[in-house]
Amino acid sequence: MIDLGLSKLALIGVVALIVVGPERLPKVARMAGTLFGRAQRYLNEVKSEVSREIELEELRKMQKDMQDTASNFEQSFAKDVSEVQSDLKSAWSDPTHDGVSADPLREPPNPEQIAVKAKDFRRKKLARTSAIPSWYKRHNGYRTHVISGAARVAKYRPAGAARKSPVSFY
């Protein structure tokens, strides 16, 4: 921009005073000020309009990118769903898919299989509900079943040491 120092402004004021005259100088100065203010407002409006247009173009571009991404995702999702549906239809129509019988009620499991499943279920349930992992218990020799002191005494008491009538502590 134009660099106006104090000396240049003073020179312009002296020339304006000589050219315009002292009686009309305040009117001309007011008019010049209003014109200068209007010019500044007009320039600011133009700048803001240009920046809005640039932002609008960026938003349009971003919207287009998002729509492209959404359509690509929708197409890939639809493709995956159709693949899964075709796999399910083929598995449903084939009664012995991967060697597994389609109807498990035709061949009941034998008792050994039931016992193995029950044992695995109990083992897995204990592993899920236990606070200490089973591998740690096996490694360090932790007891998996804890009994109270009174139950331990009753369990390991010799047969001859059992008393006939309990004696009161008091």
N, C-alpha and C. Protein backbone atom coordinates (compact mmCIF):
# COMPACT_ATOMS: atom_id res chain seq x y z
N MET A 1 0.83 -1.18 0.00
CA MET A 1 0.00 0.00 0.00
C MET A 1 0.87 1.24 0.00
N ILE A 2 0.19 2.35 -0.11
CA ILE A 2 0.90 3.63 -0.14
C ILE A 2 1.32 3.97 1.28
N ASP A 3 2.58 4.35 1.42
CA ASP A 3 3.12 4.69 2.73
C ASP A 3 2.98 6.20 2.93
N LEU A 4 2.05 6.60 3.77
CA LEU A 4 1.83 8.02 4.03
C LEU A 4 2.36 8.35 5.42
N GLY A 5 3.38 9.13 5.46
CA GLY A 5 3.92 9.56 6.73
C GLY A 5 3.32 10.89 7.15
N LEU A 6 3.76 11.41 8.29
CA LEU A 6 3.23 12.68 8.80
C LEU A 6 3.62 13.83 7.90
N SER A 7 4.80 13.80 7.36
CA SER A 7 5.25 14.91 6.49
C SER A 7 4.45 14.92 5.19
N LYS A 8 4.14 13.76 4.62
CA LYS A 8 3.37 13.72 3.38
C LYS A 8 1.94 14.17 3.62
N LEU A 9 1.34 13.78 4.75
CA LEU A 9 -0.01 14.23 5.07
C LEU A 9 -0.06 15.74 5.27
N ALA A 10 0.94 16.28 5.91
CA ALA A 10 1.01 17.73 6.12
C ALA A 10 1.13 18.45 4.77
N LEU A 11 1.90 17.94 3.86
CA LEU A 11 2.06 18.53 2.53
C LEU A 11 0.75 18.49 1.76
N ILE A 12 0.03 17.35 1.83
CA ILE A 12 -1.27 17.24 1.15
C ILE A 12 -2.26 18.22 1.76
N GLY A 13 -2.26 18.38 3.09
CA GLY A 13 -3.15 19.33 3.76
C GLY A 13 -2.86 20.76 3.35
N VAL A 14 -1.60 21.14 3.23
CA VAL A 14 -1.25 22.50 2.82
C VAL A 14 -1.69 22.75 1.38
N VAL A 15 -1.45 21.81 0.48
CA VAL A 15 -1.86 21.97 -0.92
C VAL A 15 -3.38 22.05 -1.00
N ALA A 16 -4.11 21.22 -0.24
CA ALA A 16 -5.57 21.25 -0.26
C ALA A 16 -6.08 22.57 0.29
N LEU A 17 -5.43 23.11 1.31
CA LEU A 17 -5.83 24.39 1.88
C LEU A 17 -5.65 25.51 0.85
N ILE A 18 -4.59 25.47 0.12
CA ILE A 18 -4.32 26.50 -0.89
C ILE A 18 -5.28 26.35 -2.07
N VAL A 19 -5.49 25.12 -2.54
CA VAL A 19 -6.31 24.90 -3.73
C VAL A 19 -7.79 25.08 -3.42
N VAL A 20 -8.28 24.48 -2.35
CA VAL A 20 -9.71 24.49 -2.06
C VAL A 20 -10.10 25.75 -1.31
N GLY A 21 -9.31 26.18 -0.43
CA GLY A 21 -9.64 27.36 0.36
C GLY A 21 -10.07 26.96 1.76
N PRO A 22 -9.90 27.88 2.73
CA PRO A 22 -10.20 27.53 4.11
C PRO A 22 -11.69 27.35 4.39
N GLU A 23 -12.59 28.00 3.65
CA GLU A 23 -14.00 27.86 3.96
C GLU A 23 -14.58 26.54 3.46
N ARG A 24 -14.07 25.99 2.37
CA ARG A 24 -14.60 24.72 1.84
C ARG A 24 -13.76 23.51 2.24
N LEU A 25 -12.67 23.68 2.90
CA LEU A 25 -11.78 22.56 3.27
C LEU A 25 -12.47 21.56 4.20
N PRO A 26 -13.22 21.94 5.25
CA PRO A 26 -13.88 20.94 6.09
C PRO A 26 -14.89 20.08 5.32
N LYS A 27 -15.68 20.69 4.38
CA LYS A 27 -16.61 19.90 3.59
C LYS A 27 -15.88 18.90 2.71
N VAL A 28 -14.84 19.33 2.08
CA VAL A 28 -14.08 18.45 1.18
C VAL A 28 -13.43 17.33 2.00
N ALA A 29 -12.92 17.67 3.18
CA ALA A 29 -12.29 16.64 4.02
C ALA A 29 -13.33 15.61 4.46
N ARG A 30 -14.57 16.05 4.84
CA ARG A 30 -15.63 15.12 5.21
C ARG A 30 -16.01 14.23 4.04
N MET A 31 -16.14 14.85 2.87
CA MET A 31 -16.50 14.08 1.69
C MET A 31 -15.41 13.07 1.34
N ALA A 32 -14.18 13.48 1.45
CA ALA A 32 -13.07 12.56 1.15
C ALA A 32 -13.06 11.41 2.17
N GLY A 33 -13.37 11.72 3.43
CA GLY A 33 -13.42 10.68 4.46
C GLY A 33 -14.52 9.67 4.20
N THR A 34 -15.72 10.18 3.83
CA THR A 34 -16.83 9.27 3.55
C THR A 34 -16.55 8.42 2.31
N LEU A 35 -15.96 9.04 1.28
CA LEU A 35 -15.62 8.26 0.08
C LEU A 35 -14.57 7.20 0.40
N PHE A 36 -13.60 7.58 1.22
CA PHE A 36 -12.57 6.62 1.60
C PHE A 36 -13.18 5.47 2.41
N GLY A 37 -14.11 5.78 3.33
CA GLY A 37 -14.80 4.74 4.11
C GLY A 37 -15.63 3.83 3.23
N ARG A 38 -16.36 4.41 2.26
CA ARG A 38 -17.14 3.60 1.33
C ARG A 38 -16.23 2.66 0.53
N ALA A 39 -15.12 3.19 0.08
CA ALA A 39 -14.18 2.37 -0.71
C ALA A 39 -13.66 1.21 0.15
N GLN A 40 -13.34 1.50 1.41
CA GLN A 40 -12.86 0.42 2.30
C GLN A 40 -13.94 -0.63 2.52
N ARG A 41 -15.20 -0.21 2.77
CA ARG A 41 -16.30 -1.16 2.95
C ARG A 41 -16.52 -1.99 1.70
N TYR A 42 -16.47 -1.33 0.53
CA TYR A 42 -16.66 -2.06 -0.72
C TYR A 42 -15.55 -3.10 -0.91
N LEU A 43 -14.31 -2.73 -0.63
CA LEU A 43 -13.20 -3.68 -0.75
C LEU A 43 -13.36 -4.84 0.24
N ASN A 44 -13.79 -4.54 1.46
CA ASN A 44 -14.01 -5.61 2.44
C ASN A 44 -15.14 -6.55 2.00
N GLU A 45 -16.21 -5.99 1.43
CA GLU A 45 -17.30 -6.82 0.93
C GLU A 45 -16.82 -7.73 -0.20
N VAL A 46 -16.04 -7.17 -1.10
CA VAL A 46 -15.51 -7.96 -2.22
C VAL A 46 -14.62 -9.08 -1.70
N LYS A 47 -13.75 -8.75 -0.74
CA LYS A 47 -12.87 -9.77 -0.16
C LYS A 47 -13.67 -10.88 0.52
N SER A 48 -14.69 -10.51 1.31
CA SER A 48 -15.49 -11.53 2.00
C SER A 48 -16.27 -12.38 1.01
N GLU A 49 -16.77 -11.75 -0.08
CA GLU A 49 -17.50 -12.52 -1.08
C GLU A 49 -16.58 -13.51 -1.79
N VAL A 50 -15.38 -13.07 -2.10
CA VAL A 50 -14.41 -13.96 -2.74
C VAL A 50 -14.05 -15.11 -1.81
N SER A 51 -13.85 -14.82 -0.52
CA SER A 51 -13.51 -15.89 0.43
C SER A 51 -14.68 -16.85 0.60
N ARG A 52 -15.92 -16.33 0.61
CA ARG A 52 -17.10 -17.21 0.68
C ARG A 52 -17.18 -18.11 -0.53
N GLU A 53 -16.91 -17.57 -1.70
CA GLU A 53 -16.94 -18.38 -2.92
C GLU A 53 -15.87 -19.48 -2.88
N ILE A 54 -14.70 -19.13 -2.37
CA ILE A 54 -13.62 -20.13 -2.26
C ILE A 54 -14.03 -21.22 -1.28
N GLU A 55 -14.59 -20.82 -0.14
CA GLU A 55 -15.05 -21.80 0.85
C GLU A 55 -16.17 -22.66 0.29
N LEU A 56 -17.07 -22.06 -0.48
CA LEU A 56 -18.16 -22.80 -1.08
C LEU A 56 -17.63 -23.83 -2.08
N GLU A 57 -16.64 -23.44 -2.86
CA GLU A 57 -16.02 -24.39 -3.80
C GLU A 57 -15.35 -25.54 -3.05
N GLU A 58 -14.68 -25.21 -1.94
CA GLU A 58 -14.03 -26.26 -1.14
C GLU A 58 -15.09 -27.20 -0.56
N LEU A 59 -16.20 -26.63 -0.08
CA LEU A 59 -17.28 -27.47 0.47
C LEU A 59 -17.89 -28.35 -0.61
N ARG A 60 -18.08 -27.80 -1.81
CA ARG A 60 -18.62 -28.60 -2.90
C ARG A 60 -17.67 -29.75 -3.25
N LYS A 61 -16.39 -29.43 -3.28
CA LYS A 61 -15.40 -30.47 -3.59
C LYS A 61 -15.41 -31.55 -2.50
N MET A 62 -15.48 -31.11 -1.23
CA MET A 62 -15.51 -32.06 -0.12
C MET A 62 -16.79 -32.90 -0.18
N GLN A 63 -17.92 -32.29 -0.52
CA GLN A 63 -19.17 -33.02 -0.64
C GLN A 63 -19.07 -34.06 -1.75
N LYS A 64 -18.48 -33.69 -2.87
CA LYS A 64 -18.33 -34.63 -3.98
C LYS A 64 -17.44 -35.80 -3.56
N ASP A 65 -16.34 -35.51 -2.86
CA ASP A 65 -15.45 -36.57 -2.38
C ASP A 65 -16.19 -37.51 -1.43
N MET A 66 -16.98 -36.93 -0.52
CA MET A 66 -17.73 -37.76 0.44
C MET A 66 -18.77 -38.62 -0.28
N GLN A 67 -19.44 -38.05 -1.28
CA GLN A 67 -20.42 -38.83 -2.03
C GLN A 67 -19.74 -39.97 -2.78
N ASP A 68 -18.58 -39.69 -3.37
CA ASP A 68 -17.83 -40.75 -4.07
C ASP A 68 -17.43 -41.86 -3.10
N THR A 69 -16.94 -41.46 -1.93
CA THR A 69 -16.53 -42.44 -0.93
C THR A 69 -17.73 -43.26 -0.46
N ALA A 70 -18.86 -42.59 -0.22
CA ALA A 70 -20.06 -43.29 0.23
C ALA A 70 -20.55 -44.26 -0.84
N SER A 71 -20.53 -43.84 -2.10
CA SER A 71 -21.00 -44.74 -3.17
C SER A 71 -20.04 -45.93 -3.31
N ASN A 72 -18.73 -45.69 -3.19
CA ASN A 72 -17.77 -46.80 -3.24
C ASN A 72 -18.01 -47.78 -2.10
N PHE A 73 -18.25 -47.24 -0.90
CA PHE A 73 -18.51 -48.10 0.25
C PHE A 73 -19.81 -48.88 0.05
N GLU A 74 -20.82 -48.21 -0.46
CA GLU A 74 -22.10 -48.87 -0.68
C GLU A 74 -21.95 -50.00 -1.70
N GLN A 75 -21.19 -49.75 -2.77
CA GLN A 75 -20.98 -50.78 -3.78
C GLN A 75 -20.21 -51.97 -3.21
N SER A 76 -19.16 -51.69 -2.44
CA SER A 76 -18.38 -52.79 -1.87
C SER A 76 -19.21 -53.57 -0.85
N PHE A 77 -20.03 -52.87 -0.07
CA PHE A 77 -20.89 -53.54 0.91
C PHE A 77 -21.91 -54.42 0.21
N ALA A 78 -22.52 -53.89 -0.86
CA ALA A 78 -23.50 -54.67 -1.61
C ALA A 78 -22.84 -55.90 -2.23
N LYS A 79 -21.63 -55.75 -2.71
CA LYS A 79 -20.91 -56.88 -3.30
C LYS A 79 -20.63 -57.94 -2.24
N ASP A 80 -20.17 -57.51 -1.07
CA ASP A 80 -19.89 -58.46 0.01
C ASP A 80 -21.16 -59.17 0.47
N VAL A 81 -22.25 -58.43 0.57
CA VAL A 81 -23.51 -59.03 0.99
C VAL A 81 -23.97 -60.06 -0.04
N SER A 82 -23.84 -59.73 -1.31
CA SER A 82 -24.26 -60.69 -2.34
C SER A 82 -23.39 -61.95 -2.32
N GLU A 83 -22.09 -61.78 -2.05
CA GLU A 83 -21.20 -62.95 -1.94
C GLU A 83 -21.61 -63.83 -0.76
N VAL A 84 -21.90 -63.20 0.37
CA VAL A 84 -22.32 -63.97 1.55
C VAL A 84 -23.65 -64.67 1.30
N GLN A 85 -24.56 -63.98 0.64
CA GLN A 85 -25.85 -64.60 0.33
C GLN A 85 -25.67 -65.80 -0.59
N SER A 86 -24.81 -65.65 -1.60
CA SER A 86 -24.60 -66.79 -2.51
C SER A 86 -23.93 -67.95 -1.77
N ASP A 87 -22.99 -67.66 -0.87
CA ASP A 87 -22.36 -68.73 -0.08
C ASP A 87 -23.38 -69.42 0.81
N LEU A 88 -24.26 -68.63 1.43
CA LEU A 88 -25.28 -69.22 2.30
C LEU A 88 -26.27 -70.07 1.49
N LYS A 89 -26.64 -69.58 0.31
CA LYS A 89 -27.57 -70.35 -0.52
C LYS A 89 -26.93 -71.66 -0.97
N SER A 90 -25.65 -71.61 -1.32
CA SER A 90 -24.99 -72.84 -1.75
C SER A 90 -24.82 -73.80 -0.57
N ALA A 91 -24.53 -73.27 0.61
CA ALA A 91 -24.40 -74.12 1.79
C ALA A 91 -25.75 -74.68 2.20
N TRP A 92 -26.81 -73.90 2.04
CA TRP A 92 -28.14 -74.34 2.43
C TRP A 92 -28.65 -75.43 1.48
N SER A 93 -28.33 -75.30 0.20
CA SER A 93 -28.81 -76.28 -0.77
C SER A 93 -28.00 -77.58 -0.72
N ASP A 94 -26.75 -77.54 -0.28
CA ASP A 94 -25.90 -78.73 -0.18
C ASP A 94 -26.10 -79.37 1.19
N PRO A 95 -26.71 -80.58 1.30
CA PRO A 95 -27.03 -81.16 2.62
C PRO A 95 -25.79 -81.60 3.40
N THR A 96 -24.71 -81.96 2.74
CA THR A 96 -23.52 -82.41 3.46
C THR A 96 -22.35 -81.50 3.12
N HIS A 97 -22.44 -80.27 3.54
CA HIS A 97 -21.37 -79.30 3.29
C HIS A 97 -20.24 -79.54 4.28
N ASP A 98 -19.04 -79.73 3.80
CA ASP A 98 -17.82 -79.99 4.60
C ASP A 98 -17.93 -81.25 5.43
N GLY A 99 -18.68 -82.22 5.00
CA GLY A 99 -18.74 -83.51 5.70
C GLY A 99 -19.61 -83.48 6.94
N VAL A 100 -20.32 -82.44 7.20
CA VAL A 100 -21.17 -82.34 8.38
C VAL A 100 -22.59 -82.66 7.94
N SER A 101 -23.26 -83.46 8.70
CA SER A 101 -24.63 -83.83 8.37
C SER A 101 -25.53 -82.61 8.48
N ALA A 102 -26.47 -82.49 7.54
CA ALA A 102 -27.35 -81.34 7.54
C ALA A 102 -28.36 -81.40 8.68
N ASP A 103 -28.77 -82.61 9.09
CA ASP A 103 -29.75 -82.76 10.16
C ASP A 103 -29.11 -83.52 11.32
N PRO A 104 -28.74 -82.82 12.39
CA PRO A 104 -28.07 -83.50 13.50
C PRO A 104 -29.00 -84.42 14.28
N LEU A 105 -30.31 -84.33 14.10
CA LEU A 105 -31.24 -85.17 14.85
C LEU A 105 -31.32 -86.59 14.30
N ARG A 106 -30.87 -86.82 13.09
CA ARG A 106 -30.92 -88.16 12.50
C ARG A 106 -29.93 -89.11 13.16
N GLU A 107 -28.76 -88.59 13.51
CA GLU A 107 -27.73 -89.43 14.14
C GLU A 107 -27.47 -88.90 15.55
N PRO A 108 -28.01 -89.51 16.59
CA PRO A 108 -27.77 -89.02 17.95
C PRO A 108 -26.32 -89.29 18.36
N PRO A 109 -25.74 -88.40 19.15
CA PRO A 109 -24.36 -88.60 19.60
C PRO A 109 -24.28 -89.77 20.58
N ASN A 110 -23.13 -90.45 20.54
CA ASN A 110 -22.95 -91.58 21.46
C ASN A 110 -22.58 -91.07 22.85
N PRO A 111 -22.66 -91.91 23.89
CA PRO A 111 -22.42 -91.46 25.27
C PRO A 111 -21.00 -90.94 25.50
N GLU A 112 -20.01 -91.49 24.76
CA GLU A 112 -18.64 -90.99 24.95
C GLU A 112 -18.53 -89.54 24.49
N GLN A 113 -19.18 -89.22 23.37
CA GLN A 113 -19.14 -87.84 22.89
C GLN A 113 -19.84 -86.90 23.87
N ILE A 114 -20.92 -87.34 24.45
CA ILE A 114 -21.64 -86.51 25.43
C ILE A 114 -20.77 -86.27 26.66
N ALA A 115 -20.06 -87.30 27.13
CA ALA A 115 -19.20 -87.15 28.31
C ALA A 115 -18.05 -86.20 28.01
N VAL A 116 -17.47 -86.32 26.83
CA VAL A 116 -16.35 -85.44 26.46
C VAL A 116 -16.85 -83.99 26.38
N LYS A 117 -18.02 -83.77 25.78
CA LYS A 117 -18.55 -82.42 25.68
C LYS A 117 -18.86 -81.83 27.06
N ALA A 118 -19.41 -82.64 27.95
CA ALA A 118 -19.73 -82.17 29.30
C ALA A 118 -18.46 -81.81 30.06
N LYS A 119 -17.42 -82.66 29.92
CA LYS A 119 -16.14 -82.39 30.60
C LYS A 119 -15.52 -81.10 30.07
N ASP A 120 -15.53 -80.93 28.74
CA ASP A 120 -14.98 -79.71 28.15
C ASP A 120 -15.76 -78.49 28.61
N PHE A 121 -17.09 -78.63 28.70
CA PHE A 121 -17.90 -77.51 29.13
C PHE A 121 -17.56 -77.09 30.56
N ARG A 122 -17.45 -78.09 31.46
CA ARG A 122 -17.10 -77.77 32.85
C ARG A 122 -15.72 -77.14 32.94
N ARG A 123 -14.77 -77.68 32.17
CA ARG A 123 -13.41 -77.14 32.19
C ARG A 123 -13.39 -75.71 31.68
N LYS A 124 -14.09 -75.43 30.59
CA LYS A 124 -14.14 -74.08 30.05
C LYS A 124 -14.85 -73.12 30.98
N LYS A 125 -15.92 -73.58 31.62
CA LYS A 125 -16.65 -72.73 32.56
C LYS A 125 -15.76 -72.37 33.75
N LEU A 126 -15.02 -73.34 34.26
CA LEU A 126 -14.11 -73.07 35.37
C LEU A 126 -13.02 -72.10 34.95
N ALA A 127 -12.51 -72.26 33.74
CA ALA A 127 -11.47 -71.36 33.26
C ALA A 127 -12.02 -69.94 33.09
N ARG A 128 -13.29 -69.81 32.68
CA ARG A 128 -13.87 -68.48 32.50
C ARG A 128 -14.13 -67.80 33.83
N THR A 129 -14.60 -68.55 34.82
CA THR A 129 -15.00 -67.93 36.07
C THR A 129 -13.87 -67.81 37.07
N SER A 130 -12.75 -68.44 36.83
CA SER A 130 -11.64 -68.41 37.77
C SER A 130 -10.85 -67.12 37.61
N ALA A 131 -10.34 -66.61 38.73
CA ALA A 131 -9.55 -65.39 38.68
C ALA A 131 -8.11 -65.68 38.28
N ILE A 132 -7.63 -66.88 38.56
CA ILE A 132 -6.24 -67.25 38.24
C ILE A 132 -6.28 -68.18 37.03
N PRO A 133 -5.46 -67.92 36.02
CA PRO A 133 -5.47 -68.78 34.83
C PRO A 133 -5.08 -70.21 35.17
N SER A 134 -5.66 -71.15 34.42
CA SER A 134 -5.41 -72.57 34.70
C SER A 134 -3.95 -72.94 34.42
N TRP A 135 -3.31 -72.34 33.41
CA TRP A 135 -1.91 -72.67 33.15
C TRP A 135 -1.03 -72.25 34.32
N TYR A 136 -1.38 -71.15 35.00
CA TYR A 136 -0.61 -70.69 36.14
C TYR A 136 -0.80 -71.64 37.32
N LYS A 137 -2.03 -72.12 37.49
CA LYS A 137 -2.30 -73.07 38.57
C LYS A 137 -1.51 -74.36 38.37
N ARG A 138 -1.52 -74.88 37.14
CA ARG A 138 -0.79 -76.11 36.86
C ARG A 138 0.71 -75.91 37.04
N HIS A 139 1.22 -74.77 36.61
CA HIS A 139 2.66 -74.50 36.68
C HIS A 139 3.14 -74.34 38.11
N ASN A 140 2.36 -73.66 38.95
CA ASN A 140 2.80 -73.36 40.30
C ASN A 140 2.20 -74.27 41.36
N GLY A 141 1.38 -75.22 40.98
CA GLY A 141 0.83 -76.17 41.93
C GLY A 141 -0.24 -75.61 42.83
N TYR A 142 -0.97 -74.60 42.37
CA TYR A 142 -2.05 -74.05 43.17
C TYR A 142 -3.19 -75.04 43.23
N ARG A 143 -3.89 -75.03 44.36
CA ARG A 143 -5.07 -75.88 44.49
C ARG A 143 -6.20 -75.27 43.67
N THR A 144 -6.92 -76.14 43.02
CA THR A 144 -8.06 -75.64 42.26
C THR A 144 -9.33 -75.72 43.09
N HIS A 145 -9.32 -76.52 44.19
CA HIS A 145 -10.49 -76.64 45.04
C HIS A 145 -10.04 -76.41 46.48
N VAL A 146 -10.55 -75.37 47.12
CA VAL A 146 -10.15 -75.01 48.48
C VAL A 146 -11.28 -75.38 49.43
N ILE A 147 -10.91 -76.02 50.55
CA ILE A 147 -11.91 -76.35 51.56
C ILE A 147 -11.54 -75.66 52.85
N SER A 148 -12.52 -75.51 53.72
CA SER A 148 -12.29 -74.79 54.97
C SER A 148 -11.45 -75.64 55.92
N GLY A 149 -10.95 -75.01 56.96
CA GLY A 149 -10.12 -75.71 57.94
C GLY A 149 -10.89 -76.80 58.66
N ALA A 150 -12.14 -76.53 59.08
CA ALA A 150 -12.95 -77.53 59.78
C ALA A 150 -13.24 -78.73 58.87
N ALA A 151 -13.50 -78.46 57.60
CA ALA A 151 -13.77 -79.56 56.67
C ALA A 151 -12.50 -80.38 56.45
N ARG A 152 -11.34 -79.73 56.42
CA ARG A 152 -10.07 -80.45 56.25
C ARG A 152 -9.80 -81.33 57.46
N VAL A 153 -10.04 -80.83 58.69
CA VAL A 153 -9.83 -81.61 59.91
C VAL A 153 -10.76 -82.81 59.91
N ALA A 154 -12.02 -82.58 59.55
CA ALA A 154 -12.98 -83.69 59.53
C ALA A 154 -12.60 -84.72 58.48
N LYS A 155 -12.04 -84.27 57.38
CA LYS A 155 -11.69 -85.18 56.30
C LYS A 155 -10.48 -86.04 56.66
N TYR A 156 -9.50 -85.43 57.30
CA TYR A 156 -8.25 -86.15 57.60
C TYR A 156 -8.13 -86.62 59.06
N ARG A 157 -9.17 -86.58 59.87
CA ARG A 157 -9.13 -87.03 61.25
C ARG A 157 -9.03 -88.56 61.27
N PRO A 158 -8.13 -89.06 62.09
CA PRO A 158 -8.05 -90.53 62.21
C PRO A 158 -9.35 -91.09 62.78
N ALA A 159 -9.64 -92.33 62.43
CA ALA A 159 -10.91 -92.93 62.83
C ALA A 159 -11.00 -93.14 64.34
N GLY A 160 -9.91 -93.48 65.03
CA GLY A 160 -9.95 -93.73 66.47
C GLY A 160 -10.00 -92.46 67.28
N ALA A 161 -9.63 -91.33 66.73
CA ALA A 161 -9.56 -90.09 67.50
C ALA A 161 -10.88 -89.36 67.55
N ALA A 162 -11.88 -89.86 66.88
CA ALA A 162 -13.17 -89.18 66.88
C ALA A 162 -13.84 -89.37 68.23
N ARG A 163 -14.37 -88.33 68.81
CA ARG A 163 -15.02 -88.39 70.11
C ARG A 163 -16.47 -88.74 69.93
N LYS A 164 -17.01 -89.32 70.94
CA LYS A 164 -18.40 -89.73 70.91
C LYS A 164 -19.34 -88.55 71.07
N SER A 165 -19.03 -87.65 72.05
CA SER A 165 -19.90 -86.51 72.28
C SER A 165 -19.02 -85.26 72.22
N PRO A 166 -19.50 -84.24 71.58
CA PRO A 166 -18.70 -83.02 71.48
C PRO A 166 -18.61 -82.34 72.84
N VAL A 167 -17.45 -81.84 73.16
CA VAL A 167 -17.22 -81.16 74.42
C VAL A 167 -17.35 -79.66 74.16
N SER A 168 -18.04 -79.00 75.06
CA SER A 168 -18.22 -77.58 74.91
C SER A 168 -16.91 -76.86 75.21
N PHE A 169 -16.68 -75.81 74.52
CA PHE A 169 -15.46 -75.04 74.74
C PHE A 169 -15.54 -74.24 76.01
N TYR A 170 -16.75 -73.94 76.48
CA TYR A 170 -16.91 -73.15 77.70
C TYR A 170 -17.14 -74.01 78.88
